[in-house]
């Protein structure tokens, strides 16, 4: 139903480097670069970062949230680690989150502009 989603960033080059490092851990690559936007995806650009130099950092209580599906818990762990290494912040370390559903394993990060980004996978009971 949703074709694509985007978030605003204050420094396009810096944000693109951040997202290249973070999204690569879950199999998503930079596919398009335009004057004021960069697109990421697997087959086509589904996630965009858009330059908004004048914007302020996203407040911690912002409702904006984007979630990516990953195949494994190891990918979720790598996603979180890469975000921290690239200068992002943790908004929830990798863990099972039973309040979101059975087998819901996720990590939440804040990008360099405060956007809340999640990666999730679903694990089966053993």
PDB file of N, CA and C in Angstrom:
ATOM      1  N   UNK A   1       0.809  -1.185   0.000  1.00  0.00           N
ATOM      2  CA  UNK A   1       0.000   0.000   0.000  1.00  0.00           C
ATOM      3  C   UNK A   1       0.860   1.260   0.000  1.00  0.00           C
ATOM      4  N   UNK A   2       1.918   1.322   0.780  1.00  0.00           N
ATOM      5  CA  UNK A   2       2.786   2.503   0.797  1.00  0.00           C
ATOM      6  C   UNK A   2       3.895   2.298  -0.232  1.00  0.00           C
ATOM      7  N   UNK A   3       4.090   3.282  -1.090  1.00  0.00           N
ATOM      8  CA  UNK A   3       5.125   3.195  -2.117  1.00  0.00           C
ATOM      9  C   UNK A   3       6.488   3.624  -1.599  1.00  0.00           C
ATOM     10  N   UNK A   4       6.513   4.718  -0.843  1.00  0.00           N
ATOM     11  CA  UNK A   4       7.784   5.184  -0.279  1.00  0.00           C
ATOM     12  C   UNK A   4       7.514   6.107   0.906  1.00  0.00           C
ATOM     13  N   UNK A   5       8.571   6.371   1.651  1.00  0.00           N
ATOM     14  CA  UNK A   5       8.503   7.263   2.797  1.00  0.00           C
ATOM     15  C   UNK A   5       9.785   8.084   2.816  1.00  0.00           C
ATOM     16  N   UNK A   6       9.719   9.270   3.418  1.00  0.00           N
ATOM     17  CA  UNK A   6      10.921  10.097   3.476  1.00  0.00           C
ATOM     18  C   UNK A   6      11.041  10.775   4.835  1.00  0.00           C
ATOM     19  N   UNK A   7      12.269  11.144   5.158  1.00  0.00           N
ATOM     20  CA  UNK A   7      12.556  11.929   6.354  1.00  0.00           C
ATOM     21  C   UNK A   7      13.411  13.121   5.943  1.00  0.00           C
ATOM     22  N   UNK A   8      13.291  14.183   6.692  1.00  0.00           N
ATOM     23  CA  UNK A   8      14.065  15.394   6.432  1.00  0.00           C
ATOM     24  C   UNK A   8      15.402  15.323   7.161  1.00  0.00           C
ATOM     25  N   UNK A   9      16.429  15.877   6.513  1.00  0.00           N
ATOM     26  CA  UNK A   9      17.774  15.946   7.098  1.00  0.00           C
ATOM     27  C   UNK A   9      18.359  17.329   6.825  1.00  0.00           C
ATOM     28  N   UNK A  10      19.255  17.760   7.703  1.00  0.00           N
ATOM     29  CA  UNK A  10      19.859  19.092   7.551  1.00  0.00           C
ATOM     30  C   UNK A  10      21.105  19.097   6.685  1.00  0.00           C
ATOM     31  N   UNK A  11      21.810  17.984   6.596  1.00  0.00           N
ATOM     32  CA  UNK A  11      23.039  17.878   5.807  1.00  0.00           C
ATOM     33  C   UNK A  11      22.926  16.595   4.985  1.00  0.00           C
ATOM     34  N   UNK A  12      22.648  16.732   3.706  1.00  0.00           N
ATOM     35  CA  UNK A  12      22.348  15.578   2.856  1.00  0.00           C
ATOM     36  C   UNK A  12      23.535  14.621   2.736  1.00  0.00           C
ATOM     37  N   UNK A  13      24.729  15.137   2.514  1.00  0.00           N
ATOM     38  CA  UNK A  13      25.901  14.260   2.359  1.00  0.00           C
ATOM     39  C   UNK A  13      26.192  13.491   3.643  1.00  0.00           C
ATOM     40  N   UNK A  14      26.156  14.187   4.747  1.00  0.00           N
ATOM     41  CA  UNK A  14      26.414  13.540   6.048  1.00  0.00           C
ATOM     42  C   UNK A  14      25.353  12.474   6.340  1.00  0.00           C
ATOM     43  N   UNK A  15      24.100  12.807   6.118  1.00  0.00           N
ATOM     44  CA  UNK A  15      23.012  11.863   6.360  1.00  0.00           C
ATOM     45  C   UNK A  15      23.092  10.670   5.408  1.00  0.00           C
ATOM     46  N   UNK A  16      23.456  10.911   4.156  1.00  0.00           N
ATOM     47  CA  UNK A  16      23.577   9.817   3.186  1.00  0.00           C
ATOM     48  C   UNK A  16      24.659   8.838   3.633  1.00  0.00           C
ATOM     49  N   UNK A  17      25.779   9.347   4.108  1.00  0.00           N
ATOM     50  CA  UNK A  17      26.840   8.458   4.610  1.00  0.00           C
ATOM     51  C   UNK A  17      26.348   7.651   5.805  1.00  0.00           C
ATOM     52  N   UNK A  18      25.620   8.300   6.710  1.00  0.00           N
ATOM     53  CA  UNK A  18      25.057   7.619   7.868  1.00  0.00           C
ATOM     54  C   UNK A  18      24.137   6.484   7.418  1.00  0.00           C
ATOM     55  N   UNK A  19      23.187   6.796   6.559  1.00  0.00           N
ATOM     56  CA  UNK A  19      22.220   5.788   6.132  1.00  0.00           C
ATOM     57  C   UNK A  19      22.850   4.693   5.274  1.00  0.00           C
ATOM     58  N   UNK A  20      23.853   5.021   4.493  1.00  0.00           N
ATOM     59  CA  UNK A  20      24.548   3.966   3.740  1.00  0.00           C
ATOM     60  C   UNK A  20      25.133   2.930   4.700  1.00  0.00           C
ATOM     61  N   UNK A  21      25.785   3.390   5.743  1.00  0.00           N
ATOM     62  CA  UNK A  21      26.405   2.484   6.713  1.00  0.00           C
ATOM     63  C   UNK A  21      25.361   1.687   7.489  1.00  0.00           C
ATOM     64  N   UNK A  22      24.310   2.349   7.924  1.00  0.00           N
ATOM     65  CA  UNK A  22      23.302   1.704   8.769  1.00  0.00           C
ATOM     66  C   UNK A  22      22.415   0.755   7.971  1.00  0.00           C
ATOM     67  N   UNK A  23      21.902   1.210   6.853  1.00  0.00           N
ATOM     68  CA  UNK A  23      20.966   0.388   6.084  1.00  0.00           C
ATOM     69  C   UNK A  23      21.636  -0.783   5.376  1.00  0.00           C
ATOM     70  N   UNK A  24      22.924  -0.678   5.097  1.00  0.00           N
ATOM     71  CA  UNK A  24      23.643  -1.804   4.481  1.00  0.00           C
ATOM     72  C   UNK A  24      23.569  -3.050   5.361  1.00  0.00           C
ATOM     73  N   UNK A  25      23.474  -2.870   6.664  1.00  0.00           N
ATOM     74  CA  UNK A  25      23.436  -4.008   7.588  1.00  0.00           C
ATOM     75  C   UNK A  25      22.170  -4.835   7.446  1.00  0.00           C
ATOM     76  N   UNK A  26      21.132  -4.242   6.841  1.00  0.00           N
ATOM     77  CA  UNK A  26      19.871  -4.970   6.653  1.00  0.00           C
ATOM     78  C   UNK A  26      19.537  -5.145   5.161  1.00  0.00           C
ATOM     79  N   UNK A  27      20.562  -5.003   4.318  1.00  0.00           N
ATOM     80  CA  UNK A  27      20.403  -5.292   2.892  1.00  0.00           C
ATOM     81  C   UNK A  27      19.788  -4.192   2.054  1.00  0.00           C
ATOM     82  N   UNK A  28      19.850  -2.959   2.534  1.00  0.00           N
ATOM     83  CA  UNK A  28      19.291  -1.824   1.801  1.00  0.00           C
ATOM     84  C   UNK A  28      20.442  -0.933   1.335  1.00  0.00           C
ATOM     85  N   UNK A  29      20.391  -0.518   0.062  1.00  0.00           N
ATOM     86  CA  UNK A  29      21.487   0.252  -0.525  1.00  0.00           C
ATOM     87  C   UNK A  29      21.003   1.602  -1.052  1.00  0.00           C
ATOM     88  N   UNK A  30      21.955   2.480  -1.232  1.00  0.00           N
ATOM     89  CA  UNK A  30      21.698   3.778  -1.882  1.00  0.00           C
ATOM     90  C   UNK A  30      21.485   3.504  -3.363  1.00  0.00           C
ATOM     91  N   UNK A  31      20.333   3.900  -3.893  1.00  0.00           N
ATOM     92  CA  UNK A  31      20.002   3.625  -5.287  1.00  0.00           C
ATOM     93  C   UNK A  31      19.943   4.870  -6.156  1.00  0.00           C
ATOM     94  N   UNK A  32      19.605   6.009  -5.578  1.00  0.00           N
ATOM     95  CA  UNK A  32      19.463   7.239  -6.356  1.00  0.00           C
ATOM     96  C   UNK A  32      20.009   8.423  -5.585  1.00  0.00           C
ATOM     97  N   UNK A  33      20.635   9.333  -6.325  1.00  0.00           N
ATOM     98  CA  UNK A  33      21.109  10.575  -5.742  1.00  0.00           C
ATOM     99  C   UNK A  33      20.655  11.713  -6.643  1.00  0.00           C
ATOM    100  N   UNK A  34      19.954  12.648  -6.054  1.00  0.00           N
ATOM    101  CA  UNK A  34      19.496  13.835  -6.777  1.00  0.00           C
ATOM    102  C   UNK A  34      20.010  15.064  -6.050  1.00  0.00           C
ATOM    103  N   UNK A  35      19.687  16.222  -6.564  1.00  0.00           N
ATOM    104  CA  UNK A  35      20.218  17.459  -5.999  1.00  0.00           C
ATOM    105  C   UNK A  35      19.915  17.605  -4.508  1.00  0.00           C
ATOM    106  N   UNK A  36      18.695  17.324  -4.070  1.00  0.00           N
ATOM    107  CA  UNK A  36      18.326  17.561  -2.677  1.00  0.00           C
ATOM    108  C   UNK A  36      17.686  16.343  -2.021  1.00  0.00           C
ATOM    109  N   UNK A  37      17.930  15.168  -2.584  1.00  0.00           N
ATOM    110  CA  UNK A  37      17.338  13.959  -2.025  1.00  0.00           C
ATOM    111  C   UNK A  37      18.164  12.735  -2.412  1.00  0.00           C
ATOM    112  N   UNK A  38      18.129  11.727  -1.561  1.00  0.00           N
ATOM    113  CA  UNK A  38      18.821  10.458  -1.811  1.00  0.00           C
ATOM    114  C   UNK A  38      17.832   9.340  -1.513  1.00  0.00           C
ATOM    115  N   UNK A  39      17.770   8.350  -2.425  1.00  0.00           N
ATOM    116  CA  UNK A  39      16.851   7.238  -2.266  1.00  0.00           C
ATOM    117  C   UNK A  39      17.562   5.935  -1.953  1.00  0.00           C
ATOM    118  N   UNK A  40      16.975   5.155  -1.051  1.00  0.00           N
ATOM    119  CA  UNK A  40      17.513   3.870  -0.628  1.00  0.00           C
ATOM    120  C   UNK A  40      16.457   2.791  -0.834  1.00  0.00           C
ATOM    121  N   UNK A  41      16.914   1.579  -1.107  1.00  0.00           N
ATOM    122  CA  UNK A  41      15.990   0.471  -1.246  1.00  0.00           C
ATOM    123  C   UNK A  41      16.707  -0.811  -1.598  1.00  0.00           C
ATOM    124  N   UNK A  42      15.922  -1.813  -1.952  1.00  0.00           N
ATOM    125  CA  UNK A  42      16.471  -3.095  -2.400  1.00  0.00           C
ATOM    126  C   UNK A  42      16.373  -3.199  -3.920  1.00  0.00           C
ATOM    127  N   UNK A  43      15.198  -2.919  -4.470  1.00  0.00           N
ATOM    128  CA  UNK A  43      14.998  -2.950  -5.921  1.00  0.00           C
ATOM    129  C   UNK A  43      14.675  -1.572  -6.475  1.00  0.00           C
ATOM    130  N   UNK A  44      13.996  -0.760  -5.689  1.00  0.00           N
ATOM    131  CA  UNK A  44      13.707   0.623  -6.060  1.00  0.00           C
ATOM    132  C   UNK A  44      13.739   1.460  -4.779  1.00  0.00           C
ATOM    133  N   UNK A  45      13.801   2.745  -4.945  1.00  0.00           N
ATOM    134  CA  UNK A  45      13.929   3.637  -3.787  1.00  0.00           C
ATOM    135  C   UNK A  45      12.609   3.723  -3.040  1.00  0.00           C
ATOM    136  N   UNK A  46      12.607   3.142  -1.841  1.00  0.00           N
ATOM    137  CA  UNK A  46      11.425   3.128  -0.982  1.00  0.00           C
ATOM    138  C   UNK A  46      11.581   4.083   0.203  1.00  0.00           C
ATOM    139  N   UNK A  47      12.810   4.435   0.517  1.00  0.00           N
ATOM    140  CA  UNK A  47      13.114   5.310   1.642  1.00  0.00           C
ATOM    141  C   UNK A  47      13.979   6.453   1.128  1.00  0.00           C
ATOM    142  N   UNK A  48      13.540   7.670   1.390  1.00  0.00           N
ATOM    143  CA  UNK A  48      14.238   8.855   0.900  1.00  0.00           C
ATOM    144  C   UNK A  48      14.648   9.745   2.070  1.00  0.00           C
ATOM    145  N   UNK A  49      15.798  10.395   1.908  1.00  0.00           N
ATOM    146  CA  UNK A  49      16.181  11.471   2.811  1.00  0.00           C
ATOM    147  C   UNK A  49      16.146  12.753   1.980  1.00  0.00           C
ATOM    148  N   UNK A  50      15.504  13.778   2.520  1.00  0.00           N
ATOM    149  CA  UNK A  50      15.314  15.037   1.799  1.00  0.00           C
ATOM    150  C   UNK A  50      15.984  16.179   2.542  1.00  0.00           C
ATOM    151  N   UNK A  51      16.755  16.960   1.815  1.00  0.00           N
ATOM    152  CA  UNK A  51      17.466  18.093   2.403  1.00  0.00           C
ATOM    153  C   UNK A  51      16.493  19.182   2.849  1.00  0.00           C
ATOM    154  N   UNK A  52      16.616  19.574   4.107  1.00  0.00           N
ATOM    155  CA  UNK A  52      15.857  20.680   4.695  1.00  0.00           C
ATOM    156  C   UNK A  52      16.820  21.428   5.615  1.00  0.00           C
ATOM    157  N   UNK A  53      17.703  22.216   5.023  1.00  0.00           N
ATOM    158  CA  UNK A  53      18.764  22.905   5.785  1.00  0.00           C
ATOM    159  C   UNK A  53      18.231  23.719   6.962  1.00  0.00           C
ATOM    160  N   UNK A  54      17.062  24.318   6.792  1.00  0.00           N
ATOM    161  CA  UNK A  54      16.528  25.228   7.798  1.00  0.00           C
ATOM    162  C   UNK A  54      15.855  24.532   8.968  1.00  0.00           C
ATOM    163  N   UNK A  55      15.632  23.237   8.878  1.00  0.00           N
ATOM    164  CA  UNK A  55      14.891  22.559   9.943  1.00  0.00           C
ATOM    165  C   UNK A  55      15.712  22.430  11.226  1.00  0.00           C
ATOM    166  N   UNK A  56      15.014  22.326  12.309  1.00  0.00           N
ATOM    167  CA  UNK A  56      15.624  22.070  13.605  1.00  0.00           C
ATOM    168  C   UNK A  56      15.701  20.554  13.793  1.00  0.00           C
ATOM    169  N   UNK A  57      16.516  20.112  14.717  1.00  0.00           N
ATOM    170  CA  UNK A  57      16.562  18.682  15.028  1.00  0.00           C
ATOM    171  C   UNK A  57      15.177  18.224  15.471  1.00  0.00           C
ATOM    172  N   UNK A  58      14.841  16.997  15.137  1.00  0.00           N
ATOM    173  CA  UNK A  58      13.543  16.435  15.497  1.00  0.00           C
ATOM    174  C   UNK A  58      13.494  16.270  17.013  1.00  0.00           C
ATOM    175  N   UNK A  59      12.449  16.764  17.673  1.00  0.00           N
ATOM    176  CA  UNK A  59      12.346  16.617  19.127  1.00  0.00           C
ATOM    177  C   UNK A  59      12.247  15.152  19.548  1.00  0.00           C
ATOM    178  N   UNK A  60      12.743  14.839  20.720  1.00  0.00           N
ATOM    179  CA  UNK A  60      12.736  13.459  21.224  1.00  0.00           C
ATOM    180  C   UNK A  60      11.332  12.897  21.336  1.00  0.00           C
ATOM    181  N   UNK A  61      10.335  13.756  21.510  1.00  0.00           N
ATOM    182  CA  UNK A  61       8.972  13.262  21.650  1.00  0.00           C
ATOM    183  C   UNK A  61       8.200  13.263  20.326  1.00  0.00           C
ATOM    184  N   UNK A  62       8.927  13.403  19.219  1.00  0.00           N
ATOM    185  CA  UNK A  62       8.282  13.408  17.905  1.00  0.00           C
ATOM    186  C   UNK A  62       7.632  12.065  17.625  1.00  0.00           C
ATOM    187  N   UNK A  63       6.497  12.100  16.951  1.00  0.00           N
ATOM    188  CA  UNK A  63       5.804  10.878  16.596  1.00  0.00           C
ATOM    189  C   UNK A  63       6.311  10.253  15.310  1.00  0.00           C
ATOM    190  N   UNK A  64       7.210  10.931  14.589  1.00  0.00           N
ATOM    191  CA  UNK A  64       7.747  10.381  13.346  1.00  0.00           C
ATOM    192  C   UNK A  64       8.521   9.099  13.626  1.00  0.00           C
ATOM    193  N   UNK A  65       8.272   8.085  12.805  1.00  0.00           N
ATOM    194  CA  UNK A  65       8.881   6.772  13.042  1.00  0.00           C
ATOM    195  C   UNK A  65       8.847   5.985  11.743  1.00  0.00           C
ATOM    196  N   UNK A  66       9.983   5.423  11.362  1.00  0.00           N
ATOM    197  CA  UNK A  66      10.076   4.566  10.184  1.00  0.00           C
ATOM    198  C   UNK A  66      10.674   3.244  10.630  1.00  0.00           C
ATOM    199  N   UNK A  67      10.075   2.141  10.193  1.00  0.00           N
ATOM    200  CA  UNK A  67      10.556   0.811  10.571  1.00  0.00           C
ATOM    201  C   UNK A  67      10.903   0.000   9.332  1.00  0.00           C
ATOM    202  N   UNK A  68      12.069  -0.642   9.362  1.00  0.00           N
ATOM    203  CA  UNK A  68      12.526  -1.525   8.289  1.00  0.00           C
ATOM    204  C   UNK A  68      12.474  -2.969   8.763  1.00  0.00           C
ATOM    205  N   UNK A  69      12.104  -3.871   7.886  1.00  0.00           N
ATOM    206  CA  UNK A  69      12.083  -5.295   8.200  1.00  0.00           C
ATOM    207  C   UNK A  69      13.449  -5.885   7.835  1.00  0.00           C
ATOM    208  N   UNK A  70      13.982  -6.691   8.743  1.00  0.00           N
ATOM    209  CA  UNK A  70      15.243  -7.398   8.519  1.00  0.00           C
ATOM    210  C   UNK A  70      14.982  -8.900   8.611  1.00  0.00           C
ATOM    211  N   UNK A  71      15.913  -9.697   8.093  1.00  0.00           N
ATOM    212  CA  UNK A  71      15.726 -11.148   8.072  1.00  0.00           C
ATOM    213  C   UNK A  71      16.142 -11.840   9.362  1.00  0.00           C
ATOM    214  N   UNK A  72      17.116 -11.282  10.092  1.00  0.00           N
ATOM    215  CA  UNK A  72      17.664 -11.991  11.247  1.00  0.00           C
ATOM    216  C   UNK A  72      17.895 -11.053  12.433  1.00  0.00           C
ATOM    217  N   UNK A  73      18.009 -11.646  13.609  1.00  0.00           N
ATOM    218  CA  UNK A  73      18.347 -10.855  14.797  1.00  0.00           C
ATOM    219  C   UNK A  73      19.767 -10.296  14.684  1.00  0.00           C
ATOM    220  N   UNK A  74      20.643 -11.032  14.024  1.00  0.00           N
ATOM    221  CA  UNK A  74      22.015 -10.543  13.836  1.00  0.00           C
ATOM    222  C   UNK A  74      22.024  -9.257  13.013  1.00  0.00           C
ATOM    223  N   UNK A  75      21.142  -9.178  12.037  1.00  0.00           N
ATOM    224  CA  UNK A  75      21.033  -7.947  11.242  1.00  0.00           C
ATOM    225  C   UNK A  75      20.535  -6.785  12.102  1.00  0.00           C
ATOM    226  N   UNK A  76      19.600  -7.071  12.983  1.00  0.00           N
ATOM    227  CA  UNK A  76      19.083  -6.035  13.885  1.00  0.00           C
ATOM    228  C   UNK A  76      20.205  -5.540  14.791  1.00  0.00           C
ATOM    229  N   UNK A  77      20.975  -6.469  15.332  1.00  0.00           N
ATOM    230  CA  UNK A  77      22.104  -6.100  16.198  1.00  0.00           C
ATOM    231  C   UNK A  77      23.109  -5.238  15.433  1.00  0.00           C
ATOM    232  N   UNK A  78      23.423  -5.633  14.200  1.00  0.00           N
ATOM    233  CA  UNK A  78      24.381  -4.894  13.375  1.00  0.00           C
ATOM    234  C   UNK A  78      23.844  -3.506  13.011  1.00  0.00           C
ATOM    235  N   UNK A  79      22.560  -3.412  12.740  1.00  0.00           N
ATOM    236  CA  UNK A  79      21.898  -2.138  12.440  1.00  0.00           C
ATOM    237  C   UNK A  79      22.110  -1.155  13.599  1.00  0.00           C
ATOM    238  N   UNK A  80      21.829  -1.605  14.805  1.00  0.00           N
ATOM    239  CA  UNK A  80      21.960  -0.762  15.992  1.00  0.00           C
ATOM    240  C   UNK A  80      23.418  -0.349  16.201  1.00  0.00           C
ATOM    241  N   UNK A  81      24.310  -1.305  16.100  1.00  0.00           N
ATOM    242  CA  UNK A  81      25.741  -1.026  16.287  1.00  0.00           C
ATOM    243  C   UNK A  81      26.256  -0.038  15.244  1.00  0.00           C
ATOM    244  N   UNK A  82      25.867  -0.227  13.991  1.00  0.00           N
ATOM    245  CA  UNK A  82      26.314   0.673  12.921  1.00  0.00           C
ATOM    246  C   UNK A  82      25.808   2.091  13.146  1.00  0.00           C
ATOM    247  N   UNK A  83      24.575   2.224  13.620  1.00  0.00           N
ATOM    248  CA  UNK A  83      24.022   3.553  13.874  1.00  0.00           C
ATOM    249  C   UNK A  83      24.821   4.277  14.953  1.00  0.00           C
ATOM    250  N   UNK A  84      25.148   3.582  16.017  1.00  0.00           N
ATOM    251  CA  UNK A  84      25.925   4.198  17.090  1.00  0.00           C
ATOM    252  C   UNK A  84      27.321   4.566  16.607  1.00  0.00           C
ATOM    253  N   UNK A  85      27.927   3.680  15.846  1.00  0.00           N
ATOM    254  CA  UNK A  85      29.272   3.920  15.322  1.00  0.00           C
ATOM    255  C   UNK A  85      29.300   5.119  14.372  1.00  0.00           C
ATOM    256  N   UNK A  86      28.197   5.327  13.646  1.00  0.00           N
ATOM    257  CA  UNK A  86      28.113   6.417  12.669  1.00  0.00           C
ATOM    258  C   UNK A  86      27.635   7.730  13.289  1.00  0.00           C
ATOM    259  N   UNK A  87      27.458   7.765  14.607  1.00  0.00           N
ATOM    260  CA  UNK A  87      27.103   9.011  15.278  1.00  0.00           C
ATOM    261  C   UNK A  87      25.648   9.152  15.665  1.00  0.00           C
ATOM    262  N   UNK A  88      24.832   8.147  15.379  1.00  0.00           N
ATOM    263  CA  UNK A  88      23.429   8.173  15.780  1.00  0.00           C
ATOM    264  C   UNK A  88      23.284   7.823  17.250  1.00  0.00           C
ATOM    265  N   UNK A  89      22.062   7.839  17.730  1.00  0.00           N
ATOM    266  CA  UNK A  89      21.800   7.517  19.124  1.00  0.00           C
ATOM    267  C   UNK A  89      20.903   6.305  19.259  1.00  0.00           C
ATOM    268  N   UNK A  90      20.993   5.657  20.389  1.00  0.00           N
ATOM    269  CA  UNK A  90      20.120   4.522  20.672  1.00  0.00           C
ATOM    270  C   UNK A  90      18.796   5.038  21.227  1.00  0.00           C
ATOM    271  N   UNK A  91      17.716   4.490  20.719  1.00  0.00           N
ATOM    272  CA  UNK A  91      16.388   4.801  21.239  1.00  0.00           C
ATOM    273  C   UNK A  91      15.724   3.509  21.711  1.00  0.00           C
ATOM    274  N   UNK A  92      16.560   2.463  21.846  1.00  0.00           N
ATOM    275  CA  UNK A  92      16.100   1.151  22.293  1.00  0.00           C
ATOM    276  C   UNK A  92      17.013   0.074  21.736  1.00  0.00           C
ATOM    277  N   UNK A  93      17.859  -0.499  22.576  1.00  0.00           N
ATOM    278  CA  UNK A  93      18.818  -1.528  22.159  1.00  0.00           C
ATOM    279  C   UNK A  93      18.091  -2.752  21.603  1.00  0.00           C
ATOM    280  N   UNK A  94      18.778  -3.557  20.801  1.00  0.00           N
ATOM    281  CA  UNK A  94      18.160  -4.766  20.246  1.00  0.00           C
ATOM    282  C   UNK A  94      17.640  -5.685  21.346  1.00  0.00           C
ATOM    283  N   UNK A  95      16.380  -6.116  21.189  1.00  0.00           N
ATOM    284  CA  UNK A  95      15.775  -6.989  22.192  1.00  0.00           C
ATOM    285  C   UNK A  95      14.427  -7.485  21.700  1.00  0.00           C
ATOM    286  N   UNK A  96      13.969  -8.555  22.330  1.00  0.00           N
ATOM    287  CA  UNK A  96      12.590  -8.982  22.139  1.00  0.00           C
ATOM    288  C   UNK A  96      11.680  -7.951  22.790  1.00  0.00           C
ATOM    289  N   UNK A  97      10.570  -7.659  22.174  1.00  0.00           N
ATOM    290  CA  UNK A  97       9.617  -6.680  22.682  1.00  0.00           C
ATOM    291  C   UNK A  97       8.225  -7.309  22.676  1.00  0.00           C
ATOM    292  N   UNK A  98       7.942  -8.137  23.682  1.00  0.00           N
ATOM    293  CA  UNK A  98       6.678  -8.871  23.716  1.00  0.00           C
ATOM    294  C   UNK A  98       5.436  -7.987  23.697  1.00  0.00           C
ATOM    295  N   UNK A  99       5.549  -6.755  24.158  1.00  0.00           N
ATOM    296  CA  UNK A  99       4.373  -5.867  24.142  1.00  0.00           C
ATOM    297  C   UNK A  99       3.966  -5.503  22.712  1.00  0.00           C
ATOM    298  N   UNK A 100       4.885  -5.700  21.746  1.00  0.00           N
ATOM    299  CA  UNK A 100       4.586  -5.420  20.330  1.00  0.00           C
ATOM    300  C   UNK A 100       4.115  -6.676  19.592  1.00  0.00           C
ATOM    301  N   UNK A 101       4.202  -7.820  20.240  1.00  0.00           N
ATOM    302  CA  UNK A 101       3.774  -9.062  19.597  1.00  0.00           C
ATOM    303  C   UNK A 101       4.765 -10.178  19.851  1.00  0.00           C
ATOM    304  N   UNK A 102       4.298 -11.382  19.671  1.00  0.00           N
ATOM    305  CA  UNK A 102       5.135 -12.550  19.899  1.00  0.00           C
ATOM    306  C   UNK A 102       6.298 -12.597  18.902  1.00  0.00           C
ATOM    307  N   UNK A 103       7.498 -12.785  19.428  1.00  0.00           N
ATOM    308  CA  UNK A 103       8.691 -12.896  18.599  1.00  0.00           C
ATOM    309  C   UNK A 103       9.177 -11.594  17.995  1.00  0.00           C
ATOM    310  N   UNK A 104       8.666 -10.455  18.432  1.00  0.00           N
ATOM    311  CA  UNK A 104       9.022  -9.143  17.889  1.00  0.00           C
ATOM    312  C   UNK A 104      10.395  -8.749  18.445  1.00  0.00           C
ATOM    313  N   UNK A 105      11.412  -8.773  17.587  1.00  0.00           N
ATOM    314  CA  UNK A 105      12.781  -8.443  17.979  1.00  0.00           C
ATOM    315  C   UNK A 105      13.179  -7.186  17.213  1.00  0.00           C
ATOM    316  N   UNK A 106      13.507  -6.120  17.930  1.00  0.00           N
ATOM    317  CA  UNK A 106      13.742  -4.842  17.265  1.00  0.00           C
ATOM    318  C   UNK A 106      14.801  -4.015  17.968  1.00  0.00           C
ATOM    319  N   UNK A 107      15.296  -3.038  17.225  1.00  0.00           N
ATOM    320  CA  UNK A 107      16.177  -1.999  17.761  1.00  0.00           C
ATOM    321  C   UNK A 107      15.686  -0.666  17.221  1.00  0.00           C
ATOM    322  N   UNK A 108      15.795   0.357  18.049  1.00  0.00           N
ATOM    323  CA  UNK A 108      15.368   1.703  17.682  1.00  0.00           C
ATOM    324  C   UNK A 108      16.574   2.635  17.769  1.00  0.00           C
ATOM    325  N   UNK A 109      16.726   3.473  16.767  1.00  0.00           N
ATOM    326  CA  UNK A 109      17.827   4.443  16.779  1.00  0.00           C
ATOM    327  C   UNK A 109      17.288   5.824  16.432  1.00  0.00           C
ATOM    328  N   UNK A 110      18.088   6.831  16.718  1.00  0.00           N
ATOM    329  CA  UNK A 110      17.842   8.193  16.250  1.00  0.00           C
ATOM    330  C   UNK A 110      18.956   8.518  15.268  1.00  0.00           C
ATOM    331  N   UNK A 111      18.583   9.022  14.092  1.00  0.00           N
ATOM    332  CA  UNK A 111      19.606   9.398  13.129  1.00  0.00           C
ATOM    333  C   UNK A 111      20.265  10.710  13.553  1.00  0.00           C
ATOM    334  N   UNK A 112      21.104  11.267  12.707  1.00  0.00           N
ATOM    335  CA  UNK A 112      21.860  12.469  13.049  1.00  0.00           C
ATOM    336  C   UNK A 112      20.977  13.702  13.221  1.00  0.00           C
ATOM    337  N   UNK A 113      19.736  13.634  12.735  1.00  0.00           N
ATOM    338  CA  UNK A 113      18.794  14.743  12.846  1.00  0.00           C
ATOM    339  C   UNK A 113      17.668  14.469  13.825  1.00  0.00           C
ATOM    340  N   UNK A 114      17.727  13.329  14.500  1.00  0.00           N
ATOM    341  CA  UNK A 114      16.727  12.999  15.499  1.00  0.00           C
ATOM    342  C   UNK A 114      15.567  12.158  15.004  1.00  0.00           C
ATOM    343  N   UNK A 115      15.554  11.788  13.711  1.00  0.00           N
ATOM    344  CA  UNK A 115      14.504  10.921  13.197  1.00  0.00           C
ATOM    345  C   UNK A 115      14.580   9.556  13.870  1.00  0.00           C
ATOM    346  N   UNK A 116      13.436   9.000  14.235  1.00  0.00           N
ATOM    347  CA  UNK A 116      13.374   7.706  14.930  1.00  0.00           C
ATOM    348  C   UNK A 116      13.228   6.596  13.890  1.00  0.00           C
ATOM    349  N   UNK A 117      14.222   5.726  13.854  1.00  0.00           N
ATOM    350  CA  UNK A 117      14.277   4.645  12.863  1.00  0.00           C
ATOM    351  C   UNK A 117      14.369   3.316  13.603  1.00  0.00           C
ATOM    352  N   UNK A 118      13.608   2.345  13.145  1.00  0.00           N
ATOM    353  CA  UNK A 118      13.568   1.014  13.774  1.00  0.00           C
ATOM    354  C   UNK A 118      13.902  -0.044  12.740  1.00  0.00           C
ATOM    355  N   UNK A 119      14.475  -1.131  13.205  1.00  0.00           N
ATOM    356  CA  UNK A 119      14.617  -2.359  12.407  1.00  0.00           C
ATOM    357  C   UNK A 119      14.008  -3.485  13.212  1.00  0.00           C
ATOM    358  N   UNK A 120      13.230  -4.346  12.535  1.00  0.00           N
ATOM    359  CA  UNK A 120      12.520  -5.431  13.221  1.00  0.00           C
ATOM    360  C   UNK A 120      12.631  -6.738  12.449  1.00  0.00           C
ATOM    361  N   UNK A 121      12.627  -7.813  13.199  1.00  0.00           N
ATOM    362  CA  UNK A 121      12.463  -9.154  12.647  1.00  0.00           C
ATOM    363  C   UNK A 121      11.565  -9.902  13.606  1.00  0.00           C
ATOM    364  N   UNK A 122      11.087 -11.040  13.164  1.00  0.00           N
ATOM    365  CA  UNK A 122      10.208 -11.856  14.010  1.00  0.00           C
ATOM    366  C   UNK A 122      10.855 -13.212  14.199  1.00  0.00           C
ATOM    367  N   UNK A 123      11.014 -13.602  15.458  1.00  0.00           N
ATOM    368  CA  UNK A 123      11.640 -14.881  15.775  1.00  0.00           C
ATOM    369  C   UNK A 123      10.573 -15.846  16.268  1.00  0.00           C
ATOM    370  N   UNK A 124      10.744 -17.097  15.901  1.00  0.00           N
ATOM    371  CA  UNK A 124       9.775 -18.087  16.349  1.00  0.00           C
ATOM    372  C   UNK A 124      10.229 -18.692  17.668  1.00  0.00           C
ATOM    373  N   UNK A 125       9.268 -19.140  18.457  1.00  0.00           N
ATOM    374  CA  UNK A 125       9.574 -19.795  19.728  1.00  0.00           C
ATOM    375  C   UNK A 125      10.261 -21.112  19.465  1.00  0.00           C
ATOM    376  N   UNK A 126      11.237 -21.454  20.294  1.00  0.00           N
ATOM    377  CA  UNK A 126      11.979 -22.708  20.082  1.00  0.00           C
ATOM    378  C   UNK A 126      11.654 -23.695  21.146  1.00  0.00           C
TER     379      UNK A 126
END
